[in-house]
Amino acid sequence: MWRFTRDRRQLEELVQDVFVDAYMSLKSYRGTAPFANWLNRIATRVGYRFWKRRRRTTNQAVALQDWDAFVARDEGIVESHEAAEFLHSLLAQLPPRDRLVLTLLYLEELSVAEAAERSGWSQSMVKVQAHRARKKLKAILEKSGKTAIVE
């Protein structure tokens, strides 16, 4: 759930929502797949709903003010924590659906089939959505004049 928010309080609420949803949906668990897969799918849906709600309620603009410091590091060495935070700031500018597919494929390193299973989409939809999301991410970087990371 850490992929969906960096705020500890919101993270705790999301985890609680996952367990409430799992408890309420326990009757729908068929037992044909591992329980962890079923729970992961619920967690993904809870996180996706969180992003949709958050986007609706706040029109937040995520600043790229730290970009210059990010790029100007000595010899291009950047701590992984800073890189992760920068990546999350970029992803926060995408619509929830695009953010979800990129998170599943690149941050959680799932295969297309696993991402399709987790999101409830078909494999072809995951591929199309990922292509569109990458184009939008590239446009965000180009619009801000920060294209070095795209290459």
C-alpha atoms as a PDB file:
ATOM      1  CA  MET A   1       0.000   0.000   0.000  1.00  0.00           C
ATOM      2  CA  TRP A   2       3.059   2.226   0.340  1.00  0.00           C
ATOM      3  CA  ARG A   3       2.919   2.763  -3.432  1.00  0.00           C
ATOM      4  CA  PHE A   4      -0.391   4.579  -3.140  1.00  0.00           C
ATOM      5  CA  THR A   5       0.527   7.159  -0.506  1.00  0.00           C
ATOM      6  CA  ARG A   6       3.536   8.383   1.417  1.00  0.00           C
ATOM      7  CA  ASP A   7       1.449   9.708   4.308  1.00  0.00           C
ATOM      8  CA  ARG A   8       1.607   7.273   7.226  1.00  0.00           C
ATOM      9  CA  ARG A   9      -1.879   8.172   8.511  1.00  0.00           C
ATOM     10  CA  GLN A  10      -3.463   7.641   5.100  1.00  0.00           C
ATOM     11  CA  LEU A  11      -1.488   4.439   4.699  1.00  0.00           C
ATOM     12  CA  GLU A  12      -2.956   3.060   7.917  1.00  0.00           C
ATOM     13  CA  GLU A  13      -6.456   3.994   6.742  1.00  0.00           C
ATOM     14  CA  LEU A  14      -5.880   2.259   3.412  1.00  0.00           C
ATOM     15  CA  VAL A  15      -4.673  -0.920   5.102  1.00  0.00           C
ATOM     16  CA  GLN A  16      -7.736  -0.851   7.321  1.00  0.00           C
ATOM     17  CA  ASP A  17      -9.951  -0.367   4.249  1.00  0.00           C
ATOM     18  CA  VAL A  18      -8.296  -3.376   2.612  1.00  0.00           C
ATOM     19  CA  PHE A  19      -9.072  -5.602   5.576  1.00  0.00           C
ATOM     20  CA  VAL A  20     -12.638  -4.306   5.862  1.00  0.00           C
ATOM     21  CA  ASP A  21     -13.213  -4.920   2.145  1.00  0.00           C
ATOM     22  CA  ALA A  22     -11.625  -8.365   2.428  1.00  0.00           C
ATOM     23  CA  TYR A  23     -13.824  -9.258   5.388  1.00  0.00           C
ATOM     24  CA  MET A  24     -16.953  -8.037   3.605  1.00  0.00           C
ATOM     25  CA  SER A  25     -15.983  -9.950   0.437  1.00  0.00           C
ATOM     26  CA  LEU A  26     -14.869 -13.142   2.133  1.00  0.00           C
ATOM     27  CA  LYS A  27     -17.947 -14.978   0.837  1.00  0.00           C
ATOM     28  CA  SER A  28     -16.805 -14.286  -2.734  1.00  0.00           C
ATOM     29  CA  TYR A  29     -13.425 -15.976  -2.218  1.00  0.00           C
ATOM     30  CA  ARG A  30     -13.639 -19.205  -4.211  1.00  0.00           C
ATOM     31  CA  GLY A  31     -10.385 -20.751  -3.085  1.00  0.00           C
ATOM     32  CA  THR A  32      -9.231 -21.534  -6.626  1.00  0.00           C
ATOM     33  CA  ALA A  33      -6.300 -19.091  -6.390  1.00  0.00           C
ATOM     34  CA  PRO A  34      -3.991 -18.348  -3.470  1.00  0.00           C
ATOM     35  CA  PHE A  35      -5.494 -16.155  -0.764  1.00  0.00           C
ATOM     36  CA  ALA A  36      -2.598 -13.674  -1.109  1.00  0.00           C
ATOM     37  CA  ASN A  37      -3.498 -13.047  -4.764  1.00  0.00           C
ATOM     38  CA  TRP A  38      -7.111 -12.390  -3.836  1.00  0.00           C
ATOM     39  CA  LEU A  39      -6.028  -9.999  -1.070  1.00  0.00           C
ATOM     40  CA  ASN A  40      -3.555  -8.228  -3.404  1.00  0.00           C
ATOM     41  CA  ARG A  41      -6.342  -7.602  -5.879  1.00  0.00           C
ATOM     42  CA  ILE A  42      -8.495  -6.053  -3.156  1.00  0.00           C
ATOM     43  CA  ALA A  43      -5.542  -3.901  -2.032  1.00  0.00           C
ATOM     44  CA  THR A  44      -4.986  -2.678  -5.589  1.00  0.00           C
ATOM     45  CA  ARG A  45      -8.642  -1.725  -5.954  1.00  0.00           C
ATOM     46  CA  VAL A  46      -8.626   0.106  -2.604  1.00  0.00           C
ATOM     47  CA  GLY A  47      -5.514   2.034  -3.660  1.00  0.00           C
ATOM     48  CA  TYR A  48      -7.020   2.862  -7.039  1.00  0.00           C
ATOM     49  CA  ARG A  49     -10.211   4.145  -5.387  1.00  0.00           C
ATOM     50  CA  PHE A  50      -8.041   6.244  -3.054  1.00  0.00           C
ATOM     51  CA  TRP A  51      -6.283   7.870  -6.018  1.00  0.00           C
ATOM     52  CA  LYS A  52      -9.605   8.567  -7.767  1.00  0.00           C
ATOM     53  CA  ARG A  53     -11.101  10.104  -4.613  1.00  0.00           C
ATOM     54  CA  ARG A  54      -8.002  12.152  -3.967  1.00  0.00           C
ATOM     55  CA  ARG A  55      -7.894  13.460  -7.532  1.00  0.00           C
ATOM     56  CA  ARG A  56     -11.545  14.470  -7.367  1.00  0.00           C
ATOM     57  CA  THR A  57     -11.290  16.260  -4.037  1.00  0.00           C
ATOM     58  CA  THR A  58      -8.033  18.072  -4.573  1.00  0.00           C
ATOM     59  CA  ASN A  59      -6.683  19.448  -7.756  1.00  0.00           C
ATOM     60  CA  GLN A  60      -3.184  19.113  -6.494  1.00  0.00           C
ATOM     61  CA  ALA A  61      -0.279  20.324  -8.518  1.00  0.00           C
ATOM     62  CA  VAL A  62       2.834  18.399  -7.731  1.00  0.00           C
ATOM     63  CA  ALA A  63       5.819  20.687  -8.073  1.00  0.00           C
ATOM     64  CA  LEU A  64       8.958  19.656  -9.830  1.00  0.00           C
ATOM     65  CA  GLN A  65      10.973  22.214  -7.894  1.00  0.00           C
ATOM     66  CA  ASP A  66      13.555  19.676  -6.814  1.00  0.00           C
ATOM     67  CA  TRP A  67      14.323  18.656 -10.387  1.00  0.00           C
ATOM     68  CA  ASP A  68      17.365  20.913 -10.724  1.00  0.00           C
ATOM     69  CA  ALA A  69      18.842  19.574  -7.499  1.00  0.00           C
ATOM     70  CA  PHE A  70      17.994  16.067  -8.659  1.00  0.00           C
ATOM     71  CA  VAL A  71      19.808  16.468 -11.980  1.00  0.00           C
ATOM     72  CA  ALA A  72      22.716  18.561 -10.680  1.00  0.00           C
ATOM     73  CA  ARG A  73      24.031  15.903  -8.295  1.00  0.00           C
ATOM     74  CA  ASP A  74      27.774  15.280  -8.445  1.00  0.00           C
ATOM     75  CA  GLU A  75      28.549  12.701 -11.117  1.00  0.00           C
ATOM     76  CA  GLY A  76      24.831  11.917 -11.503  1.00  0.00           C
ATOM     77  CA  ILE A  77      24.741   9.843  -8.314  1.00  0.00           C
ATOM     78  CA  VAL A  78      21.315  10.085  -6.727  1.00  0.00           C
ATOM     79  CA  GLU A  79      20.170   8.324  -3.613  1.00  0.00           C
ATOM     80  CA  SER A  80      17.490   5.776  -4.336  1.00  0.00           C
ATOM     81  CA  HIS A  81      15.124   7.402  -1.839  1.00  0.00           C
ATOM     82  CA  GLU A  82      15.310  10.743  -3.646  1.00  0.00           C
ATOM     83  CA  ALA A  83      14.820   9.048  -6.999  1.00  0.00           C
ATOM     84  CA  ALA A  84      11.779   7.201  -5.667  1.00  0.00           C
ATOM     85  CA  GLU A  85      10.271  10.392  -4.263  1.00  0.00           C
ATOM     86  CA  PHE A  86      10.843  12.181  -7.565  1.00  0.00           C
ATOM     87  CA  LEU A  87       9.228   9.328  -9.464  1.00  0.00           C
ATOM     88  CA  HIS A  88       6.226   9.391  -7.135  1.00  0.00           C
ATOM     89  CA  SER A  89       5.866  13.147  -7.679  1.00  0.00           C
ATOM     90  CA  LEU A  90       5.736  12.523 -11.434  1.00  0.00           C
ATOM     91  CA  LEU A  91       3.263   9.665 -11.102  1.00  0.00           C
ATOM     92  CA  ALA A  92       1.026  11.826  -8.909  1.00  0.00           C
ATOM     93  CA  GLN A  93       0.415  14.063 -11.918  1.00  0.00           C
ATOM     94  CA  LEU A  94      -1.086  11.219 -13.938  1.00  0.00           C
ATOM     95  CA  PRO A  95      -4.728  10.116 -13.838  1.00  0.00           C
ATOM     96  CA  PRO A  96      -5.353   7.212 -11.431  1.00  0.00           C
ATOM     97  CA  ARG A  97      -5.696   4.580 -14.158  1.00  0.00           C
ATOM     98  CA  ASP A  98      -2.356   5.540 -15.730  1.00  0.00           C
ATOM     99  CA  ARG A  99      -0.668   5.717 -12.351  1.00  0.00           C
ATOM    100  CA  LEU A 100      -1.976   2.266 -11.463  1.00  0.00           C
ATOM    101  CA  VAL A 101      -0.701   0.533 -14.591  1.00  0.00           C
ATOM    102  CA  LEU A 102       2.761   2.111 -14.339  1.00  0.00           C
ATOM    103  CA  THR A 103       2.959   1.294 -10.638  1.00  0.00           C
ATOM    104  CA  LEU A 104       2.068  -2.342 -11.238  1.00  0.00           C
ATOM    105  CA  LEU A 105       4.398  -2.813 -14.197  1.00  0.00           C
ATOM    106  CA  TYR A 106       7.424  -0.780 -13.173  1.00  0.00           C
ATOM    107  CA  LEU A 107       7.405  -0.235  -9.425  1.00  0.00           C
ATOM    108  CA  GLU A 108       6.008  -3.599  -8.394  1.00  0.00           C
ATOM    109  CA  GLU A 109       7.693  -5.228 -11.416  1.00  0.00           C
ATOM    110  CA  LEU A 110       4.719  -7.408 -12.303  1.00  0.00           C
ATOM    111  CA  SER A 111       4.360  -9.054 -15.691  1.00  0.00           C
ATOM    112  CA  VAL A 112       1.554  -7.927 -17.986  1.00  0.00           C
ATOM    113  CA  ALA A 113      -0.408 -11.053 -17.040  1.00  0.00           C
ATOM    114  CA  GLU A 114       0.058 -10.398 -13.308  1.00  0.00           C
ATOM    115  CA  ALA A 115      -0.892  -6.728 -13.709  1.00  0.00           C
ATOM    116  CA  ALA A 116      -4.006  -7.767 -15.631  1.00  0.00           C
ATOM    117  CA  GLU A 117      -4.981 -10.212 -12.905  1.00  0.00           C
ATOM    118  CA  ARG A 118      -4.372  -7.688 -10.134  1.00  0.00           C
ATOM    119  CA  SER A 119      -6.241  -4.832 -11.857  1.00  0.00           C
ATOM    120  CA  GLY A 120      -9.072  -6.904 -13.298  1.00  0.00           C
ATOM    121  CA  TRP A 121      -8.270  -5.734 -16.852  1.00  0.00           C
ATOM    122  CA  SER A 122      -7.417  -7.831 -19.887  1.00  0.00           C
ATOM    123  CA  GLN A 123      -3.767  -8.197 -20.881  1.00  0.00           C
ATOM    124  CA  SER A 124      -4.307  -6.147 -24.026  1.00  0.00           C
ATOM    125  CA  MET A 125      -5.897  -3.369 -21.981  1.00  0.00           C
ATOM    126  CA  VAL A 126      -2.873  -3.341 -19.654  1.00  0.00           C
ATOM    127  CA  LYS A 127      -0.548  -2.994 -22.656  1.00  0.00           C
ATOM    128  CA  VAL A 128      -2.596  -0.199 -24.226  1.00  0.00           C
ATOM    129  CA  GLN A 129      -2.999   1.617 -20.918  1.00  0.00           C
ATOM    130  CA  ALA A 130       0.748   1.349 -20.229  1.00  0.00           C
ATOM    131  CA  HIS A 131       1.567   2.768 -23.665  1.00  0.00           C
ATOM    132  CA  ARG A 132      -0.786   5.712 -23.148  1.00  0.00           C
ATOM    133  CA  ALA A 133       0.496   6.307 -19.619  1.00  0.00           C
ATOM    134  CA  ARG A 134       4.118   6.371 -20.798  1.00  0.00           C
ATOM    135  CA  LYS A 135       3.184   8.912 -23.481  1.00  0.00           C
ATOM    136  CA  LYS A 136       1.465  11.100 -20.875  1.00  0.00           C
ATOM    137  CA  LEU A 137       4.450  10.851 -18.547  1.00  0.00           C
ATOM    138  CA  LYS A 138       6.781  11.852 -21.362  1.00  0.00           C
ATOM    139  CA  ALA A 139       4.506  14.812 -22.184  1.00  0.00           C
ATOM    140  CA  ILE A 140       4.612  15.952 -18.549  1.00  0.00           C
ATOM    141  CA  LEU A 141       8.393  15.901 -18.636  1.00  0.00           C
ATOM    142  CA  GLU A 142       8.584  17.675 -22.005  1.00  0.00           C
ATOM    143  CA  LYS A 143       6.072  20.321 -20.925  1.00  0.00           C
ATOM    144  CA  SER A 144       8.185  21.125 -17.909  1.00  0.00           C
ATOM    145  CA  GLY A 145      11.337  21.164 -20.031  1.00  0.00           C
ATOM    146  CA  LYS A 146      12.758  18.239 -18.079  1.00  0.00           C
ATOM    147  CA  THR A 147      13.373  15.616 -20.742  1.00  0.00           C
ATOM    148  CA  ALA A 148      16.676  14.136 -19.589  1.00  0.00           C
ATOM    149  CA  ILE A 149      15.022  11.297 -17.684  1.00  0.00           C
ATOM    150  CA  VAL A 150      12.961  10.160 -20.693  1.00  0.00           C
ATOM    151  CA  GLU A 151      16.025   9.024 -22.627  1.00  0.00           C
END
